[in-house]
Amino acid sequence: MTKKIPETPERKLAGGGDPVWDLPDPFTIDITVTDADVDRLGHTNNAVYLRWCELCAWAHADAVGVGFERWQALDRAMAIRRSELDFLGPSHAGDVIRVANWIVLSDGRLRASRRFQLIRLREGATLLRGELHFVCIEISSGKPRRTPPEFARAYVVLDSVRRALGPATDPRSRAAPGRPGAGSRDGRAG
């Protein structure tokens, strides 16, 4: 279960400073909205927000040394299996958007999840919160395969993020149903 973030349509920039992020130590990229990103309704199309999340994830993968070339060499990829996106506000041509992402789950075996937050820099409005859930696959077959050690070392939940999320989000702290520790954080059911 993910930690509930209070719904606030705008997170103001403090004195022109950095955006207020939901989690510490984000990996970020900046994107300027183009006319091609705007749909018939006059704002950025929702599908574009998802594309920006993907661009941020690729930039992060490159930054930690497991970009597409490594994926090809290892015959492995992290494929999206589920997406959860909350669209909180519009953006328009010319707006500068900072896209942030955090690894929030990495079991080192098969699964990983990234959380995203998009902020319009002009006033600090959060436009999107989302999470993408991935599974490691073999590129040549498309079948799920164990995460290679190189991926497991690169796709890690930062300690600062782990602390902010709390122990309930750590896959190492989860017990299987019916085993001690299942249920609440203190191990009692319910």
N, C-alpha and C. Protein backbone atom coordinates (compact mmCIF):
# COMPACT_ATOMS: atom_id res chain seq x y z
N MET A 1 0.85 -1.17 0.00
CA MET A 1 0.00 0.00 0.00
C MET A 1 0.89 1.24 0.00
N THR A 2 0.57 2.21 -0.83
CA THR A 2 1.37 3.42 -0.90
C THR A 2 0.92 4.41 0.14
N LYS A 3 1.86 5.22 0.59
CA LYS A 3 1.58 6.24 1.58
C LYS A 3 0.73 7.33 0.94
N LYS A 4 -0.35 7.72 1.58
CA LYS A 4 -1.26 8.73 1.07
C LYS A 4 -0.62 10.11 1.20
N ILE A 5 -0.57 10.82 0.10
CA ILE A 5 -0.05 12.19 0.07
C ILE A 5 -1.26 13.11 0.09
N PRO A 6 -1.26 14.12 0.97
CA PRO A 6 -2.41 15.04 1.00
C PRO A 6 -2.65 15.66 -0.36
N GLU A 7 -3.89 15.73 -0.78
CA GLU A 7 -4.25 16.32 -2.06
C GLU A 7 -4.22 17.84 -1.94
N THR A 8 -3.28 18.45 -2.62
CA THR A 8 -3.20 19.90 -2.66
C THR A 8 -3.01 20.31 -4.10
N PRO A 9 -3.87 21.16 -4.63
CA PRO A 9 -3.76 21.52 -6.04
C PRO A 9 -2.49 22.29 -6.34
N GLU A 10 -1.95 23.04 -5.39
CA GLU A 10 -0.73 23.79 -5.63
C GLU A 10 0.20 23.65 -4.44
N ARG A 11 1.47 23.51 -4.72
CA ARG A 11 2.52 23.51 -3.72
C ARG A 11 3.41 24.69 -4.09
N LYS A 12 3.25 25.81 -3.44
CA LYS A 12 3.93 27.06 -3.80
C LYS A 12 5.45 26.94 -3.62
N LEU A 13 6.18 27.59 -4.55
CA LEU A 13 7.61 27.70 -4.40
C LEU A 13 7.89 28.70 -3.30
N ALA A 14 8.74 28.34 -2.38
CA ALA A 14 9.07 29.20 -1.25
C ALA A 14 10.08 30.24 -1.69
N GLY A 15 9.64 31.48 -1.84
CA GLY A 15 10.54 32.57 -2.20
C GLY A 15 11.31 32.33 -3.47
N GLY A 16 10.68 31.70 -4.46
CA GLY A 16 11.35 31.43 -5.72
C GLY A 16 12.34 30.29 -5.63
N GLY A 17 12.31 29.53 -4.55
CA GLY A 17 13.26 28.43 -4.35
C GLY A 17 12.85 27.18 -5.09
N ASP A 18 13.32 26.06 -4.58
CA ASP A 18 13.06 24.78 -5.21
C ASP A 18 11.62 24.35 -4.99
N PRO A 19 11.10 23.52 -5.91
CA PRO A 19 9.74 22.98 -5.72
C PRO A 19 9.65 22.17 -4.43
N VAL A 20 8.44 22.05 -3.93
CA VAL A 20 8.19 21.22 -2.75
C VAL A 20 7.85 19.82 -3.26
N TRP A 21 8.76 18.89 -3.00
CA TRP A 21 8.57 17.52 -3.47
C TRP A 21 7.90 16.67 -2.40
N ASP A 22 7.16 15.66 -2.86
CA ASP A 22 6.51 14.72 -1.95
C ASP A 22 7.51 13.83 -1.22
N LEU A 23 8.65 13.57 -1.85
CA LEU A 23 9.69 12.71 -1.29
C LEU A 23 11.04 13.41 -1.44
N PRO A 24 12.02 13.04 -0.63
CA PRO A 24 13.33 13.69 -0.73
C PRO A 24 14.16 13.16 -1.91
N ASP A 25 15.13 13.94 -2.31
CA ASP A 25 16.17 13.54 -3.26
C ASP A 25 15.65 13.01 -4.59
N PRO A 26 14.82 13.79 -5.30
CA PRO A 26 14.32 13.30 -6.58
C PRO A 26 15.37 13.36 -7.67
N PHE A 27 15.22 12.50 -8.66
CA PHE A 27 15.94 12.65 -9.92
C PHE A 27 15.00 13.43 -10.82
N THR A 28 15.48 14.52 -11.44
CA THR A 28 14.57 15.38 -12.20
C THR A 28 15.09 15.70 -13.59
N ILE A 29 14.14 16.02 -14.46
CA ILE A 29 14.42 16.61 -15.76
C ILE A 29 13.44 17.76 -15.95
N ASP A 30 13.83 18.74 -16.74
CA ASP A 30 12.95 19.86 -17.07
C ASP A 30 12.49 19.73 -18.51
N ILE A 31 11.21 20.02 -18.73
CA ILE A 31 10.61 19.95 -20.05
C ILE A 31 9.80 21.22 -20.28
N THR A 32 9.93 21.79 -21.47
CA THR A 32 9.10 22.93 -21.86
C THR A 32 7.99 22.42 -22.74
N VAL A 33 6.76 22.76 -22.38
CA VAL A 33 5.59 22.32 -23.14
C VAL A 33 5.63 22.98 -24.52
N THR A 34 5.46 22.17 -25.56
CA THR A 34 5.43 22.67 -26.93
C THR A 34 4.00 22.68 -27.46
N ASP A 35 3.80 23.35 -28.58
CA ASP A 35 2.48 23.36 -29.23
C ASP A 35 2.04 21.94 -29.58
N ALA A 36 2.99 21.07 -29.93
CA ALA A 36 2.66 19.69 -30.29
C ALA A 36 2.14 18.89 -29.09
N ASP A 37 2.44 19.33 -27.86
CA ASP A 37 1.97 18.64 -26.66
C ASP A 37 0.53 18.99 -26.31
N VAL A 38 0.01 20.07 -26.89
CA VAL A 38 -1.30 20.60 -26.54
C VAL A 38 -2.38 19.95 -27.42
N ASP A 39 -3.47 19.55 -26.78
CA ASP A 39 -4.55 18.88 -27.52
C ASP A 39 -5.67 19.87 -27.88
N ARG A 40 -6.76 19.35 -28.36
CA ARG A 40 -7.89 20.18 -28.80
C ARG A 40 -8.53 20.98 -27.66
N LEU A 41 -8.29 20.55 -26.45
CA LEU A 41 -8.87 21.26 -25.31
C LEU A 41 -8.00 22.45 -24.87
N GLY A 42 -6.86 22.63 -25.54
CA GLY A 42 -6.02 23.79 -25.26
C GLY A 42 -5.01 23.59 -24.14
N HIS A 43 -4.87 22.36 -23.65
CA HIS A 43 -3.87 22.08 -22.62
C HIS A 43 -3.10 20.83 -23.00
N THR A 44 -2.04 20.55 -22.24
CA THR A 44 -1.22 19.37 -22.52
C THR A 44 -2.08 18.12 -22.41
N ASN A 45 -1.99 17.28 -23.42
CA ASN A 45 -2.73 16.02 -23.43
C ASN A 45 -2.22 15.11 -22.32
N ASN A 46 -3.13 14.41 -21.66
CA ASN A 46 -2.75 13.54 -20.54
C ASN A 46 -1.73 12.48 -20.95
N ALA A 47 -1.82 11.98 -22.17
CA ALA A 47 -0.86 10.96 -22.63
C ALA A 47 0.56 11.52 -22.67
N VAL A 48 0.69 12.83 -22.87
CA VAL A 48 2.01 13.47 -22.90
C VAL A 48 2.63 13.41 -21.51
N TYR A 49 1.82 13.58 -20.45
CA TYR A 49 2.35 13.48 -19.09
C TYR A 49 3.00 12.11 -18.87
N LEU A 50 2.34 11.06 -19.35
CA LEU A 50 2.91 9.71 -19.21
C LEU A 50 4.21 9.61 -20.00
N ARG A 51 4.26 10.20 -21.20
CA ARG A 51 5.48 10.18 -22.00
C ARG A 51 6.62 10.89 -21.25
N TRP A 52 6.30 12.00 -20.58
CA TRP A 52 7.33 12.71 -19.81
C TRP A 52 7.83 11.86 -18.66
N CYS A 53 6.95 11.11 -18.02
CA CYS A 53 7.39 10.20 -16.95
C CYS A 53 8.36 9.17 -17.53
N GLU A 54 8.04 8.64 -18.69
CA GLU A 54 8.92 7.67 -19.34
C GLU A 54 10.27 8.30 -19.67
N LEU A 55 10.27 9.53 -20.18
CA LEU A 55 11.53 10.21 -20.50
C LEU A 55 12.38 10.39 -19.25
N CYS A 56 11.75 10.73 -18.14
CA CYS A 56 12.46 10.89 -16.87
C CYS A 56 13.05 9.55 -16.41
N ALA A 57 12.28 8.49 -16.55
CA ALA A 57 12.76 7.15 -16.17
C ALA A 57 13.97 6.75 -17.02
N TRP A 58 13.91 7.02 -18.33
CA TRP A 58 15.04 6.72 -19.21
C TRP A 58 16.26 7.53 -18.83
N ALA A 59 16.08 8.82 -18.53
CA ALA A 59 17.20 9.67 -18.14
C ALA A 59 17.83 9.16 -16.85
N HIS A 60 16.98 8.72 -15.91
CA HIS A 60 17.49 8.16 -14.66
C HIS A 60 18.26 6.87 -14.93
N ALA A 61 17.72 5.99 -15.76
CA ALA A 61 18.41 4.73 -16.09
C ALA A 61 19.78 5.03 -16.69
N ASP A 62 19.85 6.00 -17.59
CA ASP A 62 21.14 6.40 -18.16
C ASP A 62 22.08 6.90 -17.07
N ALA A 63 21.55 7.73 -16.16
CA ALA A 63 22.37 8.34 -15.10
C ALA A 63 22.95 7.30 -14.14
N VAL A 64 22.24 6.20 -13.92
CA VAL A 64 22.75 5.16 -13.00
C VAL A 64 23.46 4.03 -13.74
N GLY A 65 23.69 4.23 -15.06
CA GLY A 65 24.52 3.29 -15.81
C GLY A 65 23.83 2.09 -16.40
N VAL A 66 22.50 2.09 -16.43
CA VAL A 66 21.79 0.96 -17.05
C VAL A 66 20.80 1.49 -18.10
N GLY A 67 21.32 2.23 -19.04
CA GLY A 67 20.51 2.74 -20.14
C GLY A 67 20.21 1.64 -21.15
N PHE A 68 19.59 2.01 -22.23
CA PHE A 68 19.10 1.04 -23.20
C PHE A 68 20.21 0.14 -23.77
N GLU A 69 21.40 0.69 -23.95
CA GLU A 69 22.50 -0.13 -24.48
C GLU A 69 22.82 -1.30 -23.54
N ARG A 70 22.79 -1.04 -22.23
CA ARG A 70 23.02 -2.12 -21.26
C ARG A 70 21.86 -3.11 -21.28
N TRP A 71 20.64 -2.58 -21.42
CA TRP A 71 19.48 -3.47 -21.51
C TRP A 71 19.67 -4.45 -22.67
N GLN A 72 20.07 -3.91 -23.82
CA GLN A 72 20.26 -4.77 -24.99
C GLN A 72 21.36 -5.79 -24.74
N ALA A 73 22.48 -5.35 -24.17
CA ALA A 73 23.60 -6.27 -23.92
C ALA A 73 23.20 -7.38 -22.95
N LEU A 74 22.35 -7.06 -21.99
CA LEU A 74 21.92 -8.04 -20.99
C LEU A 74 20.67 -8.82 -21.41
N ASP A 75 20.05 -8.41 -22.51
CA ASP A 75 18.80 -9.00 -22.98
C ASP A 75 17.71 -8.91 -21.90
N ARG A 76 17.69 -7.79 -21.19
CA ARG A 76 16.71 -7.56 -20.12
C ARG A 76 16.16 -6.15 -20.24
N ALA A 77 14.94 -5.97 -19.76
CA ALA A 77 14.29 -4.66 -19.75
C ALA A 77 13.33 -4.60 -18.57
N MET A 78 13.05 -3.38 -18.14
CA MET A 78 12.04 -3.16 -17.12
C MET A 78 10.79 -2.66 -17.86
N ALA A 79 9.80 -3.53 -17.97
CA ALA A 79 8.58 -3.22 -18.72
C ALA A 79 7.47 -2.79 -17.77
N ILE A 80 6.74 -1.75 -18.17
CA ILE A 80 5.62 -1.29 -17.34
C ILE A 80 4.53 -2.35 -17.34
N ARG A 81 4.09 -2.73 -16.14
CA ARG A 81 2.98 -3.68 -16.02
C ARG A 81 1.73 -3.00 -15.50
N ARG A 82 1.89 -1.84 -14.86
CA ARG A 82 0.73 -1.12 -14.33
C ARG A 82 1.10 0.34 -14.17
N SER A 83 0.14 1.21 -14.45
CA SER A 83 0.37 2.64 -14.23
C SER A 83 -0.79 3.21 -13.44
N GLU A 84 -0.45 4.10 -12.53
CA GLU A 84 -1.44 4.82 -11.72
C GLU A 84 -1.09 6.30 -11.82
N LEU A 85 -1.95 7.08 -12.46
CA LEU A 85 -1.67 8.50 -12.67
C LEU A 85 -2.84 9.34 -12.19
N ASP A 86 -2.55 10.32 -11.36
CA ASP A 86 -3.55 11.28 -10.90
C ASP A 86 -3.23 12.62 -11.55
N PHE A 87 -4.11 13.05 -12.45
CA PHE A 87 -3.93 14.32 -13.16
C PHE A 87 -4.55 15.42 -12.30
N LEU A 88 -3.72 16.35 -11.84
CA LEU A 88 -4.17 17.34 -10.87
C LEU A 88 -4.30 18.75 -11.43
N GLY A 89 -3.75 18.99 -12.61
CA GLY A 89 -3.84 20.33 -13.18
C GLY A 89 -3.31 20.37 -14.59
N PRO A 90 -3.69 21.41 -15.34
CA PRO A 90 -3.27 21.51 -16.74
C PRO A 90 -1.93 22.23 -16.88
N SER A 91 -1.32 22.04 -18.03
CA SER A 91 -0.18 22.85 -18.44
C SER A 91 -0.44 23.29 -19.88
N HIS A 92 0.28 24.33 -20.29
CA HIS A 92 0.05 24.95 -21.60
C HIS A 92 1.37 25.21 -22.29
N ALA A 93 1.32 25.45 -23.59
CA ALA A 93 2.52 25.73 -24.37
C ALA A 93 3.33 26.83 -23.70
N GLY A 94 4.63 26.57 -23.57
CA GLY A 94 5.53 27.53 -22.95
C GLY A 94 5.81 27.27 -21.48
N ASP A 95 4.94 26.52 -20.81
CA ASP A 95 5.17 26.20 -19.40
C ASP A 95 6.42 25.32 -19.27
N VAL A 96 7.18 25.56 -18.21
CA VAL A 96 8.33 24.71 -17.91
C VAL A 96 7.91 23.78 -16.78
N ILE A 97 8.05 22.48 -17.04
CA ILE A 97 7.63 21.44 -16.10
C ILE A 97 8.86 20.71 -15.61
N ARG A 98 8.95 20.53 -14.30
CA ARG A 98 10.01 19.68 -13.73
C ARG A 98 9.37 18.34 -13.40
N VAL A 99 9.95 17.30 -13.99
CA VAL A 99 9.47 15.94 -13.80
C VAL A 99 10.43 15.25 -12.84
N ALA A 100 9.89 14.75 -11.74
CA ALA A 100 10.70 14.07 -10.72
C ALA A 100 10.32 12.61 -10.65
N ASN A 101 11.32 11.79 -10.34
CA ASN A 101 11.03 10.38 -10.11
C ASN A 101 11.91 9.83 -9.02
N TRP A 102 11.34 8.84 -8.35
CA TRP A 102 12.01 8.12 -7.28
C TRP A 102 11.75 6.63 -7.46
N ILE A 103 12.76 5.81 -7.23
CA ILE A 103 12.53 4.37 -7.10
C ILE A 103 11.93 4.19 -5.71
N VAL A 104 10.73 3.61 -5.65
CA VAL A 104 10.07 3.42 -4.36
C VAL A 104 9.94 1.94 -3.98
N LEU A 105 10.25 1.06 -4.92
CA LEU A 105 10.26 -0.37 -4.63
C LEU A 105 11.23 -1.02 -5.60
N SER A 106 12.06 -1.88 -5.10
CA SER A 106 12.94 -2.68 -5.93
C SER A 106 13.24 -3.95 -5.14
N ASP A 107 12.66 -5.05 -5.58
CA ASP A 107 12.83 -6.28 -4.80
C ASP A 107 14.11 -7.04 -5.19
N GLY A 108 14.82 -6.54 -6.21
CA GLY A 108 16.08 -7.17 -6.61
C GLY A 108 15.89 -8.50 -7.31
N ARG A 109 14.64 -8.88 -7.53
CA ARG A 109 14.35 -10.17 -8.18
C ARG A 109 13.60 -9.99 -9.48
N LEU A 110 12.48 -9.25 -9.44
CA LEU A 110 11.62 -9.17 -10.62
C LEU A 110 10.92 -7.81 -10.74
N ARG A 111 10.57 -7.21 -9.61
CA ARG A 111 9.71 -6.03 -9.61
C ARG A 111 10.44 -4.77 -9.17
N ALA A 112 9.94 -3.65 -9.70
CA ALA A 112 10.39 -2.33 -9.26
C ALA A 112 9.25 -1.35 -9.51
N SER A 113 9.22 -0.27 -8.75
CA SER A 113 8.22 0.77 -8.95
C SER A 113 8.90 2.13 -8.85
N ARG A 114 8.41 3.05 -9.67
CA ARG A 114 8.87 4.43 -9.66
C ARG A 114 7.68 5.32 -9.34
N ARG A 115 7.91 6.31 -8.51
CA ARG A 115 6.89 7.32 -8.24
C ARG A 115 7.29 8.59 -8.98
N PHE A 116 6.30 9.32 -9.46
CA PHE A 116 6.52 10.54 -10.23
C PHE A 116 5.72 11.70 -9.67
N GLN A 117 6.26 12.90 -9.86
CA GLN A 117 5.56 14.13 -9.54
C GLN A 117 5.98 15.15 -10.59
N LEU A 118 5.00 15.81 -11.20
CA LEU A 118 5.25 16.86 -12.19
C LEU A 118 4.82 18.18 -11.59
N ILE A 119 5.75 19.15 -11.62
CA ILE A 119 5.48 20.48 -11.07
C ILE A 119 5.72 21.53 -12.14
N ARG A 120 4.76 22.45 -12.28
CA ARG A 120 4.94 23.61 -13.16
C ARG A 120 5.78 24.61 -12.36
N LEU A 121 6.94 24.96 -12.90
CA LEU A 121 7.90 25.75 -12.13
C LEU A 121 7.46 27.19 -11.88
N ARG A 122 6.61 27.74 -12.73
CA ARG A 122 6.20 29.14 -12.58
C ARG A 122 5.71 29.44 -11.17
N GLU A 123 4.84 28.59 -10.63
CA GLU A 123 4.30 28.83 -9.30
C GLU A 123 4.37 27.60 -8.39
N GLY A 124 4.92 26.52 -8.88
CA GLY A 124 5.07 25.35 -8.03
C GLY A 124 3.85 24.45 -7.95
N ALA A 125 2.96 24.55 -8.91
CA ALA A 125 1.76 23.72 -8.89
C ALA A 125 2.10 22.28 -9.28
N THR A 126 1.67 21.32 -8.45
CA THR A 126 1.80 19.91 -8.79
C THR A 126 0.71 19.57 -9.79
N LEU A 127 1.12 19.08 -10.97
CA LEU A 127 0.18 18.77 -12.04
C LEU A 127 -0.15 17.29 -12.12
N LEU A 128 0.75 16.45 -11.62
CA LEU A 128 0.53 15.00 -11.69
C LEU A 128 1.29 14.33 -10.56
N ARG A 129 0.66 13.31 -10.02
CA ARG A 129 1.32 12.35 -9.13
C ARG A 129 1.02 10.99 -9.72
N GLY A 130 2.02 10.14 -9.75
CA GLY A 130 1.79 8.83 -10.33
C GLY A 130 2.80 7.81 -9.88
N GLU A 131 2.50 6.58 -10.21
CA GLU A 131 3.41 5.49 -9.92
C GLU A 131 3.34 4.50 -11.07
N LEU A 132 4.50 4.07 -11.53
CA LEU A 132 4.60 3.06 -12.57
C LEU A 132 5.24 1.83 -11.96
N HIS A 133 4.64 0.68 -12.20
CA HIS A 133 5.11 -0.59 -11.67
C HIS A 133 5.71 -1.38 -12.83
N PHE A 134 6.91 -1.91 -12.61
CA PHE A 134 7.66 -2.59 -13.65
C PHE A 134 7.92 -4.04 -13.29
N VAL A 135 8.14 -4.84 -14.32
CA VAL A 135 8.59 -6.21 -14.16
C VAL A 135 9.76 -6.39 -15.11
N CYS A 136 10.77 -7.14 -14.67
CA CYS A 136 11.92 -7.41 -15.52
C CYS A 136 11.56 -8.49 -16.53
N ILE A 137 11.88 -8.21 -17.79
CA ILE A 137 11.61 -9.19 -18.85
C ILE A 137 12.87 -9.46 -19.65
N GLU A 138 12.88 -10.59 -20.32
CA GLU A 138 13.90 -10.92 -21.31
C GLU A 138 13.45 -10.26 -22.61
N ILE A 139 14.26 -9.40 -23.17
CA ILE A 139 13.86 -8.67 -24.38
C ILE A 139 13.55 -9.62 -25.53
N SER A 140 14.40 -10.63 -25.71
CA SER A 140 14.24 -11.52 -26.87
C SER A 140 12.95 -12.34 -26.84
N SER A 141 12.43 -12.63 -25.65
CA SER A 141 11.22 -13.45 -25.57
C SER A 141 10.01 -12.69 -25.05
N GLY A 142 10.25 -11.58 -24.34
CA GLY A 142 9.16 -10.83 -23.72
C GLY A 142 8.67 -11.47 -22.42
N LYS A 143 9.33 -12.54 -21.97
CA LYS A 143 8.89 -13.25 -20.77
C LYS A 143 9.56 -12.68 -19.52
N PRO A 144 8.85 -12.74 -18.39
CA PRO A 144 9.45 -12.28 -17.13
C PRO A 144 10.72 -13.09 -16.82
N ARG A 145 11.75 -12.38 -16.36
CA ARG A 145 13.01 -13.02 -16.00
C ARG A 145 13.58 -12.32 -14.78
N ARG A 146 14.39 -13.04 -14.06
CA ARG A 146 15.03 -12.48 -12.86
C ARG A 146 15.83 -11.23 -13.23
N THR A 147 15.77 -10.25 -12.33
CA THR A 147 16.52 -9.01 -12.51
C THR A 147 18.01 -9.31 -12.47
N PRO A 148 18.78 -8.85 -13.46
CA PRO A 148 20.22 -9.07 -13.40
C PRO A 148 20.85 -8.28 -12.26
N PRO A 149 21.95 -8.75 -11.69
CA PRO A 149 22.59 -8.04 -10.57
C PRO A 149 22.90 -6.58 -10.89
N GLU A 150 23.25 -6.30 -12.14
CA GLU A 150 23.54 -4.92 -12.54
C GLU A 150 22.31 -4.02 -12.35
N PHE A 151 21.13 -4.53 -12.68
CA PHE A 151 19.89 -3.77 -12.47
C PHE A 151 19.63 -3.62 -10.97
N ALA A 152 19.80 -4.71 -10.23
CA ALA A 152 19.52 -4.68 -8.79
C ALA A 152 20.39 -3.65 -8.08
N ARG A 153 21.65 -3.49 -8.54
CA ARG A 153 22.54 -2.50 -7.93
C ARG A 153 22.17 -1.08 -8.33
N ALA A 154 21.63 -0.91 -9.54
CA ALA A 154 21.32 0.44 -10.05
C ALA A 154 19.95 0.94 -9.61
N TYR A 155 18.97 0.07 -9.59
CA TYR A 155 17.60 0.46 -9.24
C TYR A 155 17.37 0.21 -7.76
N VAL A 156 17.82 1.14 -6.94
CA VAL A 156 17.69 0.98 -5.49
C VAL A 156 16.83 2.10 -4.92
N VAL A 157 16.16 1.79 -3.85
CA VAL A 157 15.42 2.80 -3.12
C VAL A 157 16.42 3.52 -2.23
N LEU A 158 16.55 4.84 -2.42
CA LEU A 158 17.47 5.61 -1.59
C LEU A 158 17.05 5.53 -0.14
N ASP A 159 18.01 5.55 0.77
CA ASP A 159 17.70 5.49 2.20
C ASP A 159 16.78 6.63 2.61
N SER A 160 17.01 7.83 2.07
CA SER A 160 16.15 8.97 2.43
C SER A 160 14.71 8.74 1.98
N VAL A 161 14.54 8.10 0.84
CA VAL A 161 13.19 7.80 0.33
C VAL A 161 12.57 6.70 1.17
N ARG A 162 13.34 5.68 1.50
CA ARG A 162 12.85 4.57 2.33
C ARG A 162 12.35 5.09 3.68
N ARG A 163 13.13 6.00 4.28
CA ARG A 163 12.70 6.58 5.57
C ARG A 163 11.41 7.38 5.41
N ALA A 164 11.30 8.15 4.33
CA ALA A 164 10.10 8.96 4.11
C ALA A 164 8.87 8.09 3.86
N LEU A 165 9.06 6.97 3.18
CA LEU A 165 7.94 6.08 2.88
C LEU A 165 7.52 5.25 4.09
N GLY A 166 8.46 4.93 4.97
CA GLY A 166 8.16 4.12 6.13
C GLY A 166 8.35 2.65 5.85
N PRO A 167 8.39 1.82 6.89
CA PRO A 167 8.69 0.40 6.74
C PRO A 167 7.63 -0.39 5.99
N ALA A 168 6.39 0.06 5.95
CA ALA A 168 5.34 -0.71 5.29
C ALA A 168 5.57 -0.81 3.79
N THR A 169 6.41 0.05 3.21
CA THR A 169 6.65 0.01 1.77
C THR A 169 7.89 -0.78 1.41
N ASP A 170 8.64 -1.26 2.38
CA ASP A 170 9.85 -2.02 2.14
C ASP A 170 9.48 -3.48 1.92
N PRO A 171 9.75 -4.02 0.70
CA PRO A 171 9.36 -5.41 0.44
C PRO A 171 10.05 -6.39 1.37
N ARG A 172 11.19 -6.02 1.93
CA ARG A 172 11.88 -6.92 2.86
C ARG A 172 11.16 -7.00 4.18
N SER A 173 10.29 -6.00 4.48
CA SER A 173 9.59 -6.02 5.76
C SER A 173 8.21 -6.65 5.66
N ARG A 174 7.83 -7.06 4.46
CA ARG A 174 6.51 -7.66 4.28
C ARG A 174 6.58 -9.16 4.53
N ALA A 175 5.63 -9.65 5.26
CA ALA A 175 5.54 -11.09 5.48
C ALA A 175 4.40 -11.64 4.64
N ALA A 176 4.52 -12.87 4.25
CA ALA A 176 3.46 -13.50 3.49
C ALA A 176 2.23 -13.63 4.37
N PRO A 177 1.02 -13.59 3.77
CA PRO A 177 -0.20 -13.75 4.58
C PRO A 177 -0.13 -15.05 5.37
N GLY A 178 -0.55 -14.95 6.63
CA GLY A 178 -0.56 -16.13 7.49
C GLY A 178 0.75 -16.35 8.23
N ARG A 179 1.76 -15.51 7.94
CA ARG A 179 3.03 -15.63 8.63
C ARG A 179 3.17 -14.50 9.63
N PRO A 180 4.01 -14.67 10.63
CA PRO A 180 4.24 -13.57 11.58
C PRO A 180 4.68 -12.32 10.84
N GLY A 181 4.12 -11.21 11.27
CA GLY A 181 4.46 -9.93 10.64
C GLY A 181 3.44 -9.49 9.63
N ALA A 182 2.59 -10.38 9.18
CA ALA A 182 1.55 -9.99 8.23
C ALA A 182 0.53 -9.11 8.94
N GLY A 183 -0.04 -8.19 8.25
CA GLY A 183 -1.03 -7.30 8.87
C GLY A 183 -0.41 -5.97 9.18
N SER A 184 -0.54 -5.51 10.42
CA SER A 184 -0.06 -4.19 10.78
C SER A 184 1.46 -4.18 10.91
N ARG A 185 2.03 -2.98 11.06
CA ARG A 185 3.47 -2.83 11.16
C ARG A 185 4.06 -3.54 12.37
N ASP A 186 3.29 -3.67 13.44
CA ASP A 186 3.85 -4.32 14.64
C ASP A 186 3.64 -5.83 14.64
N GLY A 187 3.15 -6.37 13.52
CA GLY A 187 3.02 -7.80 13.40
C GLY A 187 1.66 -8.35 13.80
N ARG A 188 0.81 -7.50 14.37
CA ARG A 188 -0.53 -7.97 14.74
C ARG A 188 -1.45 -7.85 13.54
N ALA A 189 -2.38 -8.71 13.43
CA ALA A 189 -3.34 -8.65 12.32
C ALA A 189 -4.20 -7.42 12.46
N GLY A 190 -4.67 -6.92 11.29
CA GLY A 190 -5.63 -5.82 11.32
C GLY A 190 -5.11 -4.50 11.20
